[in-house]
N, C-alpha and C. Protein backbone atom coordinates (compact mmCIF):
# COMPACT_ATOMS: atom_id res chain seq x y z
N MET A 1 1.05 31.17 -1.50
CA MET A 1 -0.27 31.34 -0.94
C MET A 1 -0.57 30.18 0.02
N LEU A 2 -1.16 30.50 1.15
CA LEU A 2 -1.49 29.49 2.14
C LEU A 2 -2.71 28.70 1.72
N LYS A 3 -2.71 27.43 2.07
CA LYS A 3 -3.86 26.57 1.79
C LYS A 3 -4.88 26.70 2.90
N THR A 4 -6.14 26.44 2.57
CA THR A 4 -7.19 26.40 3.58
C THR A 4 -7.12 25.07 4.30
N THR A 5 -7.77 24.99 5.45
CA THR A 5 -7.80 23.73 6.18
C THR A 5 -8.47 22.64 5.35
N GLN A 6 -9.50 23.00 4.60
CA GLN A 6 -10.19 22.01 3.75
C GLN A 6 -9.24 21.49 2.67
N GLU A 7 -8.46 22.36 2.08
CA GLU A 7 -7.50 21.93 1.06
C GLU A 7 -6.44 21.00 1.65
N ILE A 8 -5.97 21.31 2.83
CA ILE A 8 -4.98 20.47 3.49
C ILE A 8 -5.58 19.11 3.82
N MET A 9 -6.82 19.09 4.33
CA MET A 9 -7.49 17.83 4.65
C MET A 9 -7.63 16.97 3.39
N GLN A 10 -8.02 17.58 2.29
CA GLN A 10 -8.18 16.82 1.06
C GLN A 10 -6.84 16.34 0.51
N ASP A 11 -5.79 17.13 0.68
CA ASP A 11 -4.45 16.70 0.27
C ASP A 11 -4.01 15.49 1.08
N ILE A 12 -4.25 15.52 2.38
CA ILE A 12 -3.88 14.39 3.24
C ILE A 12 -4.67 13.15 2.84
N ALA A 13 -5.96 13.31 2.57
CA ALA A 13 -6.79 12.18 2.15
C ALA A 13 -6.30 11.61 0.83
N ALA A 14 -5.92 12.47 -0.11
CA ALA A 14 -5.43 12.01 -1.41
C ALA A 14 -4.11 11.26 -1.25
N ARG A 15 -3.23 11.75 -0.37
CA ARG A 15 -1.96 11.06 -0.14
C ARG A 15 -2.19 9.71 0.55
N ALA A 16 -3.15 9.66 1.47
CA ALA A 16 -3.48 8.39 2.13
C ALA A 16 -4.02 7.38 1.12
N LYS A 17 -4.89 7.85 0.23
CA LYS A 17 -5.44 6.97 -0.80
C LYS A 17 -4.33 6.48 -1.72
N ALA A 18 -3.44 7.36 -2.13
CA ALA A 18 -2.33 6.98 -3.00
C ALA A 18 -1.44 5.96 -2.30
N ARG A 19 -1.22 6.16 -1.01
CA ARG A 19 -0.40 5.22 -0.23
C ARG A 19 -1.10 3.85 -0.17
N ARG A 20 -2.42 3.87 0.06
CA ARG A 20 -3.20 2.62 0.10
C ARG A 20 -3.06 1.88 -1.22
N LEU A 21 -3.21 2.60 -2.32
CA LEU A 21 -3.13 1.98 -3.64
C LEU A 21 -1.71 1.50 -3.95
N ALA A 22 -0.70 2.24 -3.50
CA ALA A 22 0.69 1.83 -3.71
C ALA A 22 0.98 0.53 -2.97
N LEU A 23 0.29 0.30 -1.85
CA LEU A 23 0.44 -0.93 -1.08
C LEU A 23 -0.49 -2.02 -1.61
N ASN A 24 -1.21 -1.70 -2.71
CA ASN A 24 -2.12 -2.63 -3.36
C ASN A 24 -3.23 -3.10 -2.41
N LEU A 25 -3.74 -2.17 -1.59
CA LEU A 25 -4.81 -2.47 -0.65
C LEU A 25 -6.13 -1.92 -1.16
N THR A 26 -7.19 -2.69 -0.99
CA THR A 26 -8.53 -2.17 -1.24
C THR A 26 -8.96 -1.41 0.02
N GLN A 27 -10.05 -0.69 -0.09
CA GLN A 27 -10.58 -0.03 1.10
C GLN A 27 -10.96 -1.07 2.15
N MET A 28 -11.51 -2.21 1.71
CA MET A 28 -11.87 -3.26 2.66
C MET A 28 -10.62 -3.89 3.28
N GLY A 29 -9.55 -4.01 2.52
CA GLY A 29 -8.30 -4.51 3.07
C GLY A 29 -7.74 -3.57 4.12
N LEU A 30 -7.85 -2.27 3.86
CA LEU A 30 -7.41 -1.28 4.84
C LEU A 30 -8.29 -1.32 6.08
N GLU A 31 -9.57 -1.57 5.89
CA GLU A 31 -10.48 -1.71 7.04
C GLU A 31 -10.02 -2.86 7.93
N ASP A 32 -9.71 -3.99 7.32
CA ASP A 32 -9.26 -5.16 8.08
C ASP A 32 -7.94 -4.89 8.81
N ARG A 33 -7.04 -4.23 8.12
CA ARG A 33 -5.72 -3.95 8.69
C ARG A 33 -5.75 -2.92 9.80
N SER A 34 -6.62 -1.91 9.68
CA SER A 34 -6.59 -0.77 10.60
C SER A 34 -7.62 -0.82 11.71
N GLY A 35 -8.72 -1.54 11.48
CA GLY A 35 -9.81 -1.52 12.45
C GLY A 35 -10.71 -0.31 12.29
N VAL A 36 -10.50 0.49 11.26
CA VAL A 36 -11.35 1.64 10.96
C VAL A 36 -12.43 1.18 10.00
N SER A 37 -13.67 1.59 10.25
CA SER A 37 -14.77 1.09 9.44
C SER A 37 -14.65 1.52 7.97
N LEU A 38 -15.22 0.70 7.10
CA LEU A 38 -15.21 0.97 5.66
C LEU A 38 -15.87 2.32 5.36
N GLY A 39 -16.97 2.60 6.03
CA GLY A 39 -17.66 3.88 5.82
C GLY A 39 -16.79 5.07 6.17
N THR A 40 -16.03 4.94 7.25
CA THR A 40 -15.13 6.02 7.66
C THR A 40 -14.03 6.22 6.63
N ILE A 41 -13.49 5.12 6.11
CA ILE A 41 -12.43 5.21 5.10
C ILE A 41 -12.96 5.87 3.84
N LYS A 42 -14.14 5.45 3.39
CA LYS A 42 -14.73 6.05 2.19
C LYS A 42 -14.98 7.54 2.39
N HIS A 43 -15.54 7.89 3.55
CA HIS A 43 -15.83 9.29 3.85
C HIS A 43 -14.53 10.11 3.88
N PHE A 44 -13.51 9.56 4.50
CA PHE A 44 -12.22 10.25 4.57
C PHE A 44 -11.62 10.47 3.19
N GLU A 45 -11.61 9.43 2.37
CA GLU A 45 -11.02 9.58 1.04
C GLU A 45 -11.81 10.54 0.16
N HIS A 46 -13.09 10.67 0.42
CA HIS A 46 -13.94 11.56 -0.39
C HIS A 46 -13.90 13.01 0.12
N THR A 47 -13.94 13.20 1.44
CA THR A 47 -14.06 14.55 2.00
C THR A 47 -12.83 15.06 2.73
N GLY A 48 -11.98 14.14 3.18
CA GLY A 48 -10.82 14.54 3.99
C GLY A 48 -11.13 14.62 5.46
N LYS A 49 -12.38 14.39 5.85
CA LYS A 49 -12.78 14.51 7.26
C LYS A 49 -12.67 13.15 7.95
N ILE A 50 -12.03 13.17 9.13
CA ILE A 50 -11.83 11.94 9.90
C ILE A 50 -11.44 12.31 11.32
N ALA A 51 -11.79 11.45 12.27
CA ALA A 51 -11.38 11.65 13.66
C ALA A 51 -9.88 11.36 13.78
N LEU A 52 -9.23 12.05 14.69
CA LEU A 52 -7.80 11.90 14.87
C LEU A 52 -7.42 10.45 15.16
N GLU A 53 -8.14 9.78 16.05
CA GLU A 53 -7.82 8.39 16.39
C GLU A 53 -7.88 7.51 15.14
N SER A 54 -8.90 7.69 14.32
CA SER A 54 -9.01 6.90 13.09
C SER A 54 -7.88 7.23 12.12
N LEU A 55 -7.52 8.49 12.02
CA LEU A 55 -6.41 8.88 11.14
C LEU A 55 -5.11 8.22 11.59
N LEU A 56 -4.88 8.18 12.89
CA LEU A 56 -3.67 7.55 13.40
C LEU A 56 -3.69 6.04 13.16
N LYS A 57 -4.85 5.41 13.29
CA LYS A 57 -4.96 3.97 13.00
C LYS A 57 -4.68 3.69 11.53
N LEU A 58 -5.22 4.53 10.64
CA LEU A 58 -4.94 4.37 9.21
C LEU A 58 -3.46 4.57 8.94
N SER A 59 -2.87 5.57 9.57
CA SER A 59 -1.45 5.86 9.38
C SER A 59 -0.59 4.68 9.83
N LEU A 60 -0.96 4.04 10.92
CA LEU A 60 -0.23 2.87 11.38
C LEU A 60 -0.35 1.75 10.36
N ALA A 61 -1.55 1.51 9.87
CA ALA A 61 -1.78 0.44 8.89
C ALA A 61 -1.07 0.73 7.56
N LEU A 62 -0.90 2.00 7.24
CA LEU A 62 -0.23 2.39 5.99
C LEU A 62 1.26 2.65 6.19
N ASP A 63 1.76 2.33 7.39
CA ASP A 63 3.17 2.46 7.73
C ASP A 63 3.69 3.88 7.57
N CYS A 64 2.92 4.84 8.06
CA CYS A 64 3.39 6.23 8.03
C CYS A 64 3.02 6.97 9.32
N LEU A 65 2.87 6.24 10.41
CA LEU A 65 2.55 6.86 11.70
C LEU A 65 3.65 7.82 12.15
N GLN A 66 4.90 7.52 11.78
CA GLN A 66 6.02 8.37 12.18
C GLN A 66 5.87 9.80 11.66
N ASP A 67 5.05 10.01 10.63
CA ASP A 67 4.84 11.35 10.10
C ASP A 67 4.20 12.28 11.12
N PHE A 68 3.54 11.72 12.13
CA PHE A 68 2.85 12.53 13.13
C PHE A 68 3.71 12.78 14.37
N GLU A 69 4.88 12.17 14.43
CA GLU A 69 5.72 12.27 15.62
C GLU A 69 6.12 13.71 15.95
N GLN A 70 6.27 14.55 14.95
CA GLN A 70 6.74 15.91 15.19
C GLN A 70 5.63 16.95 15.26
N ALA A 71 4.37 16.52 15.16
CA ALA A 71 3.26 17.47 15.24
C ALA A 71 3.28 18.17 16.60
N PHE A 72 3.25 19.46 16.60
CA PHE A 72 3.24 20.31 17.79
C PHE A 72 4.51 20.22 18.62
N ALA A 73 5.58 19.71 18.05
CA ALA A 73 6.86 19.64 18.77
C ALA A 73 7.44 21.04 18.91
N ALA A 74 8.11 21.26 20.00
CA ALA A 74 8.78 22.55 20.21
C ALA A 74 9.90 22.68 19.21
N ARG A 75 10.06 23.85 18.68
CA ARG A 75 11.14 24.10 17.72
C ARG A 75 12.38 24.50 18.50
N ALA A 76 13.36 23.68 18.42
CA ALA A 76 14.57 23.90 19.21
C ALA A 76 15.46 24.95 18.56
N THR A 77 15.95 25.85 19.38
CA THR A 77 16.96 26.80 18.96
C THR A 77 18.08 26.76 19.99
N MET A 78 19.26 26.84 19.53
CA MET A 78 20.41 26.78 20.43
C MET A 78 20.70 28.17 20.97
N PRO A 79 20.77 28.33 22.30
CA PRO A 79 21.13 29.63 22.86
C PRO A 79 22.60 29.96 22.55
N GLN A 80 22.89 31.23 22.41
CA GLN A 80 24.25 31.66 22.09
C GLN A 80 25.19 31.50 23.29
N SER A 81 24.66 31.72 24.49
CA SER A 81 25.51 31.65 25.67
C SER A 81 24.65 31.26 26.88
N LEU A 82 25.28 31.10 28.01
CA LEU A 82 24.57 30.80 29.24
C LEU A 82 23.63 31.95 29.61
N ASP A 83 24.06 33.19 29.37
CA ASP A 83 23.20 34.34 29.64
C ASP A 83 21.93 34.28 28.81
N ASP A 84 22.07 33.90 27.53
CA ASP A 84 20.89 33.77 26.67
C ASP A 84 19.97 32.68 27.20
N LEU A 85 20.54 31.60 27.68
CA LEU A 85 19.74 30.50 28.21
C LEU A 85 18.97 30.96 29.44
N LEU A 86 19.61 31.71 30.31
CA LEU A 86 18.95 32.19 31.53
C LEU A 86 17.87 33.23 31.23
N LYS A 87 17.99 33.95 30.13
CA LYS A 87 17.02 34.97 29.76
C LYS A 87 15.77 34.40 29.10
N GLN A 88 15.84 33.14 28.65
CA GLN A 88 14.69 32.56 27.97
C GLN A 88 13.52 32.41 28.95
N PRO A 89 12.29 32.73 28.47
CA PRO A 89 11.14 32.59 29.36
C PRO A 89 10.88 31.12 29.68
N ARG A 90 10.31 30.89 30.84
CA ARG A 90 9.95 29.54 31.23
C ARG A 90 8.75 29.08 30.39
N PRO A 91 8.71 27.80 30.05
CA PRO A 91 7.57 27.32 29.26
C PRO A 91 6.27 27.41 30.06
N ARG A 92 5.19 27.79 29.37
CA ARG A 92 3.89 27.91 30.03
C ARG A 92 3.37 26.54 30.39
N LYS A 93 2.71 26.46 31.54
CA LYS A 93 2.11 25.21 31.99
C LYS A 93 0.61 25.22 31.82
N ARG A 94 0.02 26.40 31.64
CA ARG A 94 -1.42 26.51 31.40
C ARG A 94 -1.73 27.82 30.71
N GLY A 95 -2.87 27.86 30.07
CA GLY A 95 -3.29 29.08 29.40
C GLY A 95 -3.94 30.06 30.36
N SER A 96 -4.08 31.31 29.94
CA SER A 96 -4.69 32.31 30.81
C SER A 96 -6.01 32.84 30.27
N ILE A 97 -6.36 32.49 29.05
CA ILE A 97 -7.61 32.98 28.44
C ILE A 97 -8.64 31.87 28.53
N THR A 98 -9.82 32.22 29.04
CA THR A 98 -10.89 31.22 29.15
C THR A 98 -11.86 31.34 28.02
């Protein structure tokens, strides 16, 4: 069964909190290390809601920024032959729906 976005957000917040505790950091220690306000950290750990920039700052401070490196990355598949490669559609450069 698929998780809801809220469930995923709360799972991420719980893993971030567990990581913080594993590093023996208080919320105030994480605030000092990351530059993210204490209120934002508390709100994130409680609700899972946070701005992307703040999440990335926390991830850097918790030494797990690399986890975001593959977000939205193209999934590579190897073409069978040169003909298959030539038949592949060109990547879109812009959307068509407004």
